[in-house]
Amino acid sequence: MKKEQKEEVKLGSKWTNDHMCTTYEEAIDRLAKLNTIWTNDKQDHMQTKIRRRANGKFLVKYRKDPVFAKETKKNGRSNRKNKGNTKKGKANIGTSV
């Protein structure tokens, strides 16, 4: 009876859509252009990929490498249960006589 150890997979940031190309060669040219822009701006550790769409076009995507991306912590305020009642304590001022 072995206990399996699950490895934590670190998910990276989401992919950003850059450009929709009609041919694969255009998409490769766009990747080369992005890489030259990033090297000139000293933005290292960027990842790119080309996705083929159902309509025959190619989508170029990019993101920062998850190994080098900064982690942001959530403060918990966006959770619905953590939000207070916004209508609580408000009086209807317009109905006074």
PDB file of N, CA and C in Angstrom:
ATOM      1  N   MET A   1       0.822  -1.173   0.000  1.00  0.00           N
ATOM      2  CA  MET A   1       0.000   0.000   0.000  1.00  0.00           C
ATOM      3  C   MET A   1       0.874   1.247   0.000  1.00  0.00           C
ATOM      4  N   LYS A   2       1.040   1.778  -1.177  1.00  0.00           N
ATOM      5  CA  LYS A   2       1.852   2.971  -1.322  1.00  0.00           C
ATOM      6  C   LYS A   2       0.967   4.200  -1.318  1.00  0.00           C
ATOM      7  N   LYS A   3       1.470   5.223  -0.716  1.00  0.00           N
ATOM      8  CA  LYS A   3       0.784   6.502  -0.784  1.00  0.00           C
ATOM      9  C   LYS A   3       1.410   7.307  -1.915  1.00  0.00           C
ATOM     10  N   GLU A   4       0.562   7.748  -2.819  1.00  0.00           N
ATOM     11  CA  GLU A   4       1.071   8.515  -3.947  1.00  0.00           C
ATOM     12  C   GLU A   4       1.273   9.959  -3.530  1.00  0.00           C
ATOM     13  N   GLN A   5       2.394  10.504  -3.939  1.00  0.00           N
ATOM     14  CA  GLN A   5       2.677  11.903  -3.660  1.00  0.00           C
ATOM     15  C   GLN A   5       2.312  12.720  -4.880  1.00  0.00           C
ATOM     16  N   LYS A   6       1.447  13.681  -4.681  1.00  0.00           N
ATOM     17  CA  LYS A   6       1.035  14.536  -5.789  1.00  0.00           C
ATOM     18  C   LYS A   6       1.964  15.732  -5.856  1.00  0.00           C
ATOM     19  N   GLU A   7       2.460  15.979  -7.054  1.00  0.00           N
ATOM     20  CA  GLU A   7       3.313  17.132  -7.258  1.00  0.00           C
ATOM     21  C   GLU A   7       2.435  18.342  -7.541  1.00  0.00           C
ATOM     22  N   GLU A   8       2.791  19.462  -6.950  1.00  0.00           N
ATOM     23  CA  GLU A   8       2.041  20.676  -7.201  1.00  0.00           C
ATOM     24  C   GLU A   8       2.477  21.254  -8.535  1.00  0.00           C
ATOM     25  N   VAL A   9       1.522  21.479  -9.393  1.00  0.00           N
ATOM     26  CA  VAL A   9       1.806  22.057 -10.698  1.00  0.00           C
ATOM     27  C   VAL A   9       1.568  23.553 -10.596  1.00  0.00           C
ATOM     28  N   LYS A  10       2.599  24.322 -10.896  1.00  0.00           N
ATOM     29  CA  LYS A  10       2.493  25.762 -10.826  1.00  0.00           C
ATOM     30  C   LYS A  10       1.932  26.276 -12.145  1.00  0.00           C
ATOM     31  N   LEU A  11       0.725  26.798 -12.099  1.00  0.00           N
ATOM     32  CA  LEU A  11       0.118  27.344 -13.297  1.00  0.00           C
ATOM     33  C   LEU A  11       0.624  28.757 -13.518  1.00  0.00           C
ATOM     34  N   GLY A  12       0.871  29.071 -14.742  1.00  0.00           N
ATOM     35  CA  GLY A  12       1.363  30.390 -15.081  1.00  0.00           C
ATOM     36  C   GLY A  12       0.230  31.360 -15.348  1.00  0.00           C
ATOM     37  N   SER A  13       0.619  32.528 -15.776  1.00  0.00           N
ATOM     38  CA  SER A  13      -0.382  33.523 -16.118  1.00  0.00           C
ATOM     39  C   SER A  13      -1.080  33.106 -17.398  1.00  0.00           C
ATOM     40  N   LYS A  14      -2.197  33.743 -17.666  1.00  0.00           N
ATOM     41  CA  LYS A  14      -2.972  33.376 -18.834  1.00  0.00           C
ATOM     42  C   LYS A  14      -2.295  33.883 -20.100  1.00  0.00           C
ATOM     43  N   TRP A  15      -2.584  33.214 -21.201  1.00  0.00           N
ATOM     44  CA  TRP A  15      -2.036  33.586 -22.488  1.00  0.00           C
ATOM     45  C   TRP A  15      -2.776  34.806 -23.012  1.00  0.00           C
ATOM     46  N   THR A  16      -2.039  35.726 -23.620  1.00  0.00           N
ATOM     47  CA  THR A  16      -2.616  36.929 -24.196  1.00  0.00           C
ATOM     48  C   THR A  16      -2.659  36.775 -25.712  1.00  0.00           C
ATOM     49  N   ASN A  17      -3.836  37.019 -26.300  1.00  0.00           N
ATOM     50  CA  ASN A  17      -3.963  36.944 -27.752  1.00  0.00           C
ATOM     51  C   ASN A  17      -3.257  38.145 -28.365  1.00  0.00           C
ATOM     52  N   ASP A  18      -2.444  37.883 -29.375  1.00  0.00           N
ATOM     53  CA  ASP A  18      -1.694  38.959 -30.003  1.00  0.00           C
ATOM     54  C   ASP A  18      -2.221  39.298 -31.384  1.00  0.00           C
ATOM     55  N   HIS A  19      -2.259  38.318 -32.272  1.00  0.00           N
ATOM     56  CA  HIS A  19      -2.587  38.627 -33.660  1.00  0.00           C
ATOM     57  C   HIS A  19      -3.194  37.405 -34.339  1.00  0.00           C
ATOM     58  N   MET A  20      -4.193  37.632 -35.196  1.00  0.00           N
ATOM     59  CA  MET A  20      -4.802  36.562 -35.975  1.00  0.00           C
ATOM     60  C   MET A  20      -4.216  36.614 -37.384  1.00  0.00           C
ATOM     61  N   CYS A  21      -3.635  35.508 -37.838  1.00  0.00           N
ATOM     62  CA  CYS A  21      -2.980  35.442 -39.148  1.00  0.00           C
ATOM     63  C   CYS A  21      -3.738  34.465 -40.044  1.00  0.00           C
ATOM     64  N   THR A  22      -3.658  34.701 -41.342  1.00  0.00           N
ATOM     65  CA  THR A  22      -4.355  33.822 -42.279  1.00  0.00           C
ATOM     66  C   THR A  22      -3.518  32.604 -42.655  1.00  0.00           C
ATOM     67  N   THR A  23      -2.185  32.728 -42.613  1.00  0.00           N
ATOM     68  CA  THR A  23      -1.318  31.591 -42.939  1.00  0.00           C
ATOM     69  C   THR A  23      -0.331  31.344 -41.796  1.00  0.00           C
ATOM     70  N   TYR A  24       0.210  30.140 -41.790  1.00  0.00           N
ATOM     71  CA  TYR A  24       1.169  29.770 -40.760  1.00  0.00           C
ATOM     72  C   TYR A  24       2.462  30.563 -40.912  1.00  0.00           C
ATOM     73  N   GLU A  25       2.839  30.870 -42.124  1.00  0.00           N
ATOM     74  CA  GLU A  25       4.057  31.633 -42.368  1.00  0.00           C
ATOM     75  C   GLU A  25       3.938  33.053 -41.798  1.00  0.00           C
ATOM     76  N   GLU A  26       2.754  33.646 -41.926  1.00  0.00           N
ATOM     77  CA  GLU A  26       2.521  34.968 -41.324  1.00  0.00           C
ATOM     78  C   GLU A  26       2.671  34.904 -39.811  1.00  0.00           C
ATOM     79  N   ALA A  27       2.161  33.828 -39.220  1.00  0.00           N
ATOM     80  CA  ALA A  27       2.246  33.659 -37.769  1.00  0.00           C
ATOM     81  C   ALA A  27       3.702  33.519 -37.328  1.00  0.00           C
ATOM     82  N   ILE A  28       4.511  32.790 -38.096  1.00  0.00           N
ATOM     83  CA  ILE A  28       5.925  32.644 -37.763  1.00  0.00           C
ATOM     84  C   ILE A  28       6.637  33.988 -37.873  1.00  0.00           C
ATOM     85  N   ASP A  29       6.291  34.768 -38.904  1.00  0.00           N
ATOM     86  CA  ASP A  29       6.874  36.105 -39.043  1.00  0.00           C
ATOM     87  C   ASP A  29       6.502  36.990 -37.857  1.00  0.00           C
ATOM     88  N   ARG A  30       5.266  36.867 -37.395  1.00  0.00           N
ATOM     89  CA  ARG A  30       4.819  37.656 -36.238  1.00  0.00           C
ATOM     90  C   ARG A  30       5.591  37.250 -34.980  1.00  0.00           C
ATOM     91  N   LEU A  31       5.850  35.957 -34.805  1.00  0.00           N
ATOM     92  CA  LEU A  31       6.643  35.492 -33.662  1.00  0.00           C
ATOM     93  C   LEU A  31       8.049  36.073 -33.707  1.00  0.00           C
ATOM     94  N   ALA A  32       8.640  36.091 -34.888  1.00  0.00           N
ATOM     95  CA  ALA A  32       9.986  36.650 -35.031  1.00  0.00           C
ATOM     96  C   ALA A  32       9.982  38.141 -34.695  1.00  0.00           C
ATOM     97  N   LYS A  33       8.941  38.847 -35.130  1.00  0.00           N
ATOM     98  CA  LYS A  33       8.842  40.277 -34.841  1.00  0.00           C
ATOM     99  C   LYS A  33       8.685  40.518 -33.337  1.00  0.00           C
ATOM    100  N   LEU A  34       7.860  39.703 -32.674  1.00  0.00           N
ATOM    101  CA  LEU A  34       7.684  39.833 -31.219  1.00  0.00           C
ATOM    102  C   LEU A  34       9.005  39.574 -30.493  1.00  0.00           C
ATOM    103  N   ASN A  35       9.724  38.561 -30.924  1.00  0.00           N
ATOM    104  CA  ASN A  35      11.002  38.236 -30.271  1.00  0.00           C
ATOM    105  C   ASN A  35      12.012  39.362 -30.418  1.00  0.00           C
ATOM    106  N   THR A  36      12.064  40.013 -31.577  1.00  0.00           N
ATOM    107  CA  THR A  36      12.989  41.134 -31.738  1.00  0.00           C
ATOM    108  C   THR A  36      12.565  42.317 -30.877  1.00  0.00           C
ATOM    109  N   ILE A  37      11.266  42.554 -30.765  1.00  0.00           N
ATOM    110  CA  ILE A  37      10.782  43.641 -29.893  1.00  0.00           C
ATOM    111  C   ILE A  37      11.168  43.366 -28.449  1.00  0.00           C
ATOM    112  N   TRP A  38      10.984  42.122 -28.006  1.00  0.00           N
ATOM    113  CA  TRP A  38      11.294  41.781 -26.616  1.00  0.00           C
ATOM    114  C   TRP A  38      12.788  41.847 -26.327  1.00  0.00           C
ATOM    115  N   THR A  39      13.620  41.473 -27.275  1.00  0.00           N
ATOM    116  CA  THR A  39      15.064  41.563 -27.037  1.00  0.00           C
ATOM    117  C   THR A  39      15.520  43.017 -27.002  1.00  0.00           C
ATOM    118  N   ASN A  40      14.903  43.876 -27.807  1.00  0.00           N
ATOM    119  CA  ASN A  40      15.250  45.300 -27.774  1.00  0.00           C
ATOM    120  C   ASN A  40      14.803  45.961 -26.478  1.00  0.00           C
ATOM    121  N   ASP A  41      13.667  45.530 -25.941  1.00  0.00           N
ATOM    122  CA  ASP A  41      13.144  46.088 -24.691  1.00  0.00           C
ATOM    123  C   ASP A  41      13.661  45.356 -23.461  1.00  0.00           C
ATOM    124  N   LYS A  42      14.520  44.356 -23.665  1.00  0.00           N
ATOM    125  CA  LYS A  42      15.101  43.544 -22.582  1.00  0.00           C
ATOM    126  C   LYS A  42      14.040  42.845 -21.754  1.00  0.00           C
ATOM    127  N   GLN A  43      12.998  42.357 -22.422  1.00  0.00           N
ATOM    128  CA  GLN A  43      11.969  41.553 -21.760  1.00  0.00           C
ATOM    129  C   GLN A  43      12.287  40.086 -22.035  1.00  0.00           C
ATOM    130  N   ASP A  44      13.036  39.505 -21.123  1.00  0.00           N
ATOM    131  CA  ASP A  44      13.413  38.109 -21.290  1.00  0.00           C
ATOM    132  C   ASP A  44      12.311  37.204 -20.752  1.00  0.00           C
ATOM    133  N   HIS A  45      12.432  35.936 -21.038  1.00  0.00           N
ATOM    134  CA  HIS A  45      11.574  34.889 -20.501  1.00  0.00           C
ATOM    135  C   HIS A  45      10.117  35.033 -20.949  1.00  0.00           C
ATOM    136  N   MET A  46       9.907  35.375 -22.213  1.00  0.00           N
ATOM    137  CA  MET A  46       8.560  35.415 -22.765  1.00  0.00           C
ATOM    138  C   MET A  46       8.319  34.126 -23.544  1.00  0.00           C
ATOM    139  N   GLN A  47       7.092  33.608 -23.458  1.00  0.00           N
ATOM    140  CA  GLN A  47       6.734  32.396 -24.184  1.00  0.00           C
ATOM    141  C   GLN A  47       5.729  32.753 -25.267  1.00  0.00           C
ATOM    142  N   THR A  48       5.838  32.083 -26.405  1.00  0.00           N
ATOM    143  CA  THR A  48       4.904  32.307 -27.502  1.00  0.00           C
ATOM    144  C   THR A  48       4.408  30.971 -28.027  1.00  0.00           C
ATOM    145  N   LYS A  49       3.243  31.006 -28.646  1.00  0.00           N
ATOM    146  CA  LYS A  49       2.736  29.808 -29.302  1.00  0.00           C
ATOM    147  C   LYS A  49       1.764  30.216 -30.402  1.00  0.00           C
ATOM    148  N   ILE A  50       1.572  29.291 -31.335  1.00  0.00           N
ATOM    149  CA  ILE A  50       0.646  29.503 -32.441  1.00  0.00           C
ATOM    150  C   ILE A  50      -0.456  28.467 -32.323  1.00  0.00           C
ATOM    151  N   ARG A  51      -1.696  28.928 -32.371  1.00  0.00           N
ATOM    152  CA  ARG A  51      -2.843  28.031 -32.281  1.00  0.00           C
ATOM    153  C   ARG A  51      -3.622  28.081 -33.588  1.00  0.00           C
ATOM    154  N   ARG A  52      -3.937  26.921 -34.141  1.00  0.00           N
ATOM    155  CA  ARG A  52      -4.740  26.865 -35.357  1.00  0.00           C
ATOM    156  C   ARG A  52      -6.209  26.867 -34.966  1.00  0.00           C
ATOM    157  N   ARG A  53      -6.981  27.727 -35.579  1.00  0.00           N
ATOM    158  CA  ARG A  53      -8.403  27.849 -35.308  1.00  0.00           C
ATOM    159  C   ARG A  53      -9.204  26.974 -36.268  1.00  0.00           C
ATOM    160  N   ALA A  54     -10.467  26.766 -35.942  1.00  0.00           N
ATOM    161  CA  ALA A  54     -11.335  25.924 -36.764  1.00  0.00           C
ATOM    162  C   ALA A  54     -11.612  26.552 -38.126  1.00  0.00           C
ATOM    163  N   ASN A  55     -11.543  27.877 -38.202  1.00  0.00           N
ATOM    164  CA  ASN A  55     -11.812  28.541 -39.476  1.00  0.00           C
ATOM    165  C   ASN A  55     -10.583  28.597 -40.381  1.00  0.00           C
ATOM    166  N   GLY A  56      -9.489  27.956 -40.004  1.00  0.00           N
ATOM    167  CA  GLY A  56      -8.290  27.882 -40.829  1.00  0.00           C
ATOM    168  C   GLY A  56      -7.292  28.990 -40.571  1.00  0.00           C
ATOM    169  N   LYS A  57      -7.587  29.890 -39.642  1.00  0.00           N
ATOM    170  CA  LYS A  57      -6.654  30.967 -39.312  1.00  0.00           C
ATOM    171  C   LYS A  57      -5.772  30.540 -38.152  1.00  0.00           C
ATOM    172  N   PHE A  58      -4.708  31.306 -37.936  1.00  0.00           N
ATOM    173  CA  PHE A  58      -3.743  30.991 -36.886  1.00  0.00           C
ATOM    174  C   PHE A  58      -3.660  32.150 -35.904  1.00  0.00           C
ATOM    175  N   LEU A  59      -3.721  31.828 -34.613  1.00  0.00           N
ATOM    176  CA  LEU A  59      -3.696  32.835 -33.558  1.00  0.00           C
ATOM    177  C   LEU A  59      -2.352  32.792 -32.849  1.00  0.00           C
ATOM    178  N   VAL A  60      -1.704  33.937 -32.740  1.00  0.00           N
ATOM    179  CA  VAL A  60      -0.426  34.048 -32.043  1.00  0.00           C
ATOM    180  C   VAL A  60      -0.714  34.493 -30.615  1.00  0.00           C
ATOM    181  N   LYS A  61      -0.158  33.755 -29.643  1.00  0.00           N
ATOM    182  CA  LYS A  61      -0.359  34.062 -28.226  1.00  0.00           C
ATOM    183  C   LYS A  61       0.990  34.197 -27.541  1.00  0.00           C
ATOM    184  N   TYR A  62       1.002  34.965 -26.427  1.00  0.00           N
ATOM    185  CA  TYR A  62       2.237  35.120 -25.661  1.00  0.00           C
ATOM    186  C   TYR A  62       1.917  35.265 -24.181  1.00  0.00           C
ATOM    187  N   ARG A  63       2.928  35.024 -23.356  1.00  0.00           N
ATOM    188  CA  ARG A  63       2.835  35.240 -21.906  1.00  0.00           C
ATOM    189  C   ARG A  63       4.232  35.272 -21.315  1.00  0.00           C
ATOM    190  N   LYS A  64       4.318  35.719 -20.079  1.00  0.00           N
ATOM    191  CA  LYS A  64       5.581  35.695 -19.337  1.00  0.00           C
ATOM    192  C   LYS A  64       5.773  34.282 -18.791  1.00  0.00           C
ATOM    193  N   ASP A  65       7.004  33.822 -18.806  1.00  0.00           N
ATOM    194  CA  ASP A  65       7.312  32.482 -18.330  1.00  0.00           C
ATOM    195  C   ASP A  65       6.894  32.355 -16.862  1.00  0.00           C
ATOM    196  N   PRO A  66       6.123  31.324 -16.502  1.00  0.00           N
ATOM    197  CA  PRO A  66       5.637  31.192 -15.121  1.00  0.00           C
ATOM    198  C   PRO A  66       6.737  31.071 -14.079  1.00  0.00           C
ATOM    199  N   VAL A  67       7.901  30.592 -14.470  1.00  0.00           N
ATOM    200  CA  VAL A  67       9.007  30.457 -13.523  1.00  0.00           C
ATOM    201  C   VAL A  67       9.492  31.827 -13.066  1.00  0.00           C
ATOM    202  N   PHE A  68       9.441  32.812 -13.970  1.00  0.00           N
ATOM    203  CA  PHE A  68       9.965  34.128 -13.674  1.00  0.00           C
ATOM    204  C   PHE A  68       8.881  35.162 -13.369  1.00  0.00           C
ATOM    205  N   ALA A  69       7.625  34.776 -13.427  1.00  0.00           N
ATOM    206  CA  ALA A  69       6.533  35.721 -13.168  1.00  0.00           C
ATOM    207  C   ALA A  69       6.364  35.932 -11.668  1.00  0.00           C
ATOM    208  N   LYS A  70       5.983  37.144 -11.289  1.00  0.00           N
ATOM    209  CA  LYS A  70       5.739  37.440  -9.882  1.00  0.00           C
ATOM    210  C   LYS A  70       4.382  36.900  -9.479  1.00  0.00           C
ATOM    211  N   GLU A  71       4.314  36.392  -8.264  1.00  0.00           N
ATOM    212  CA  GLU A  71       3.043  35.898  -7.760  1.00  0.00           C
ATOM    213  C   GLU A  71       2.324  37.037  -7.050  1.00  0.00           C
ATOM    214  N   THR A  72       1.043  37.162  -7.303  1.00  0.00           N
ATOM    215  CA  THR A  72       0.238  38.166  -6.616  1.00  0.00           C
ATOM    216  C   THR A  72      -0.715  37.448  -5.671  1.00  0.00           C
ATOM    217  N   LYS A  73      -0.824  37.984  -4.488  1.00  0.00           N
ATOM    218  CA  LYS A  73      -1.719  37.399  -3.506  1.00  0.00           C
ATOM    219  C   LYS A  73      -3.043  38.133  -3.520  1.00  0.00           C
ATOM    220  N   LYS A  74      -4.105  37.379  -3.390  1.00  0.00           N
ATOM    221  CA  LYS A  74      -5.429  37.978  -3.327  1.00  0.00           C
ATOM    222  C   LYS A  74      -5.711  38.368  -1.878  1.00  0.00           C
ATOM    223  N   ASN A  75      -6.423  39.477  -1.707  1.00  0.00           N
ATOM    224  CA  ASN A  75      -6.714  39.922  -0.357  1.00  0.00           C
ATOM    225  C   ASN A  75      -8.032  39.374   0.167  1.00  0.00           C
ATOM    226  N   GLY A  76      -8.791  38.661  -0.639  1.00  0.00           N
ATOM    227  CA  GLY A  76     -10.014  38.037  -0.179  1.00  0.00           C
ATOM    228  C   GLY A  76     -11.233  38.932  -0.258  1.00  0.00           C
ATOM    229  N   ARG A  77     -11.074  40.154  -0.728  1.00  0.00           N
ATOM    230  CA  ARG A  77     -12.211  41.064  -0.786  1.00  0.00           C
ATOM    231  C   ARG A  77     -13.154  40.759  -1.940  1.00  0.00           C
ATOM    232  N   SER A  78     -12.678  40.077  -2.952  1.00  0.00           N
ATOM    233  CA  SER A  78     -13.516  39.817  -4.104  1.00  0.00           C
ATOM    234  C   SER A  78     -14.510  38.687  -3.850  1.00  0.00           C
ATOM    235  N   ASN A  79     -14.321  37.955  -2.801  1.00  0.00           N
ATOM    236  CA  ASN A  79     -15.200  36.858  -2.484  1.00  0.00           C
ATOM    237  C   ASN A  79     -16.550  37.388  -2.009  1.00  0.00           C
ATOM    238  N   ARG A  80     -17.627  36.829  -2.491  1.00  0.00           N
ATOM    239  CA  ARG A  80     -18.963  37.334  -2.179  1.00  0.00           C
ATOM    240  C   ARG A  80     -19.277  37.242  -0.682  1.00  0.00           C
ATOM    241  N   LYS A  81     -18.842  36.177  -0.041  1.00  0.00           N
ATOM    242  CA  LYS A  81     -19.153  36.018   1.377  1.00  0.00           C
ATOM    243  C   LYS A  81     -18.368  37.001   2.244  1.00  0.00           C
ATOM    244  N   ASN A  82     -17.267  37.545   1.726  1.00  0.00           N
ATOM    245  CA  ASN A  82     -16.468  38.494   2.488  1.00  0.00           C
ATOM    246  C   ASN A  82     -16.967  39.922   2.356  1.00  0.00           C
ATOM    247  N   LYS A  83     -17.861  40.164   1.416  1.00  0.00           N
ATOM    248  CA  LYS A  83     -18.383  41.510   1.230  1.00  0.00           C
ATOM    249  C   LYS A  83     -19.499  41.757   2.240  1.00  0.00           C
ATOM    250  N   GLY A  84     -19.529  42.958   2.766  1.00  0.00           N
ATOM    251  CA  GLY A  84     -20.575  43.307   3.713  1.00  0.00           C
ATOM    252  C   GLY A  84     -21.868  43.644   3.003  1.00  0.00           C
ATOM    253  N   ASN A  85     -22.924  43.762   3.749  1.00  0.00           N
ATOM    254  CA  ASN A  85     -24.214  44.144   3.185  1.00  0.00           C
ATOM    255  C   ASN A  85     -24.152  45.627   2.850  1.00  0.00           C
ATOM    256  N   THR A  86     -24.256  45.974   1.576  1.00  0.00           N
ATOM    257  CA  THR A  86     -24.115  47.363   1.165  1.00  0.00           C
ATOM    258  C   THR A  86     -25.359  48.187   1.455  1.00  0.00           C
ATOM    259  N   LYS A  87     -26.522  47.550   1.630  1.00  0.00           N
ATOM    260  CA  LYS A  87     -27.762  48.283   1.895  1.00  0.00           C
ATOM    261  C   LYS A  87     -28.002  48.487   3.391  1.00  0.00           C
ATOM    262  N   LYS A  88     -27.197  47.905   4.194  1.00  0.00           N
ATOM    263  CA  LYS A  88     -27.374  47.955   5.639  1.00  0.00           C
ATOM    264  C   LYS A  88     -27.073  49.361   6.160  1.00  0.00           C
ATOM    265  N   GLY A  89     -27.955  49.928   6.927  1.00  0.00           N
ATOM    266  CA  GLY A  89     -27.721  51.190   7.568  1.00  0.00           C
ATOM    267  C   GLY A  89     -28.048  52.418   6.712  1.00  0.00           C
ATOM    268  N   LYS A  90     -28.532  52.234   5.511  1.00  0.00           N
ATOM    269  CA  LYS A  90     -28.877  53.369   4.682  1.00  0.00           C
ATOM    270  C   LYS A  90     -30.337  53.764   4.960  1.00  0.00           C
ATOM    271  N   ALA A  91     -30.525  55.004   5.196  1.00  0.00           N
ATOM    272  CA  ALA A  91     -31.871  55.496   5.482  1.00  0.00           C
ATOM    273  C   ALA A  91     -32.434  56.171   4.211  1.00  0.00           C
ATOM    274  N   ASN A  92     -33.751  56.125   4.082  1.00  0.00           N
ATOM    275  CA  ASN A  92     -34.405  56.789   2.965  1.00  0.00           C
ATOM    276  C   ASN A  92     -34.713  58.206   3.399  1.00  0.00           C
ATOM    277  N   ILE A  93     -33.873  59.173   3.009  1.00  0.00           N
ATOM    278  CA  ILE A  93     -33.961  60.551   3.457  1.00  0.00           C
ATOM    279  C   ILE A  93     -35.081  61.297   2.752  1.00  0.00           C
ATOM    280  N   GLY A  94     -35.427  60.954   1.541  1.00  0.00           N
ATOM    281  CA  GLY A  94     -36.396  61.684   0.733  1.00  0.00           C
ATOM    282  C   GLY A  94     -37.835  61.568   1.209  1.00  0.00           C
ATOM    283  N   THR A  95     -38.163  60.665   2.098  1.00  0.00           N
ATOM    284  CA  THR A  95     -39.556  60.463   2.504  1.00  0.00           C
ATOM    285  C   THR A  95     -39.900  61.168   3.826  1.00  0.00           C
ATOM    286  N   SER A  96     -39.037  61.989   4.373  1.00  0.00           N
ATOM    287  CA  SER A  96     -39.340  62.656   5.650  1.00  0.00           C
ATOM    288  C   SER A  96     -40.343  63.780   5.436  1.00  0.00           C
ATOM    289  N   VAL A  97     -41.189  64.033   6.462  1.00  0.00           N
ATOM    290  CA  VAL A  97     -42.238  65.045   6.357  1.00  0.00           C
ATOM    291  C   VAL A  97     -41.843  66.291   7.083  1.00  0.00           C
TER     292      VAL A  97
END
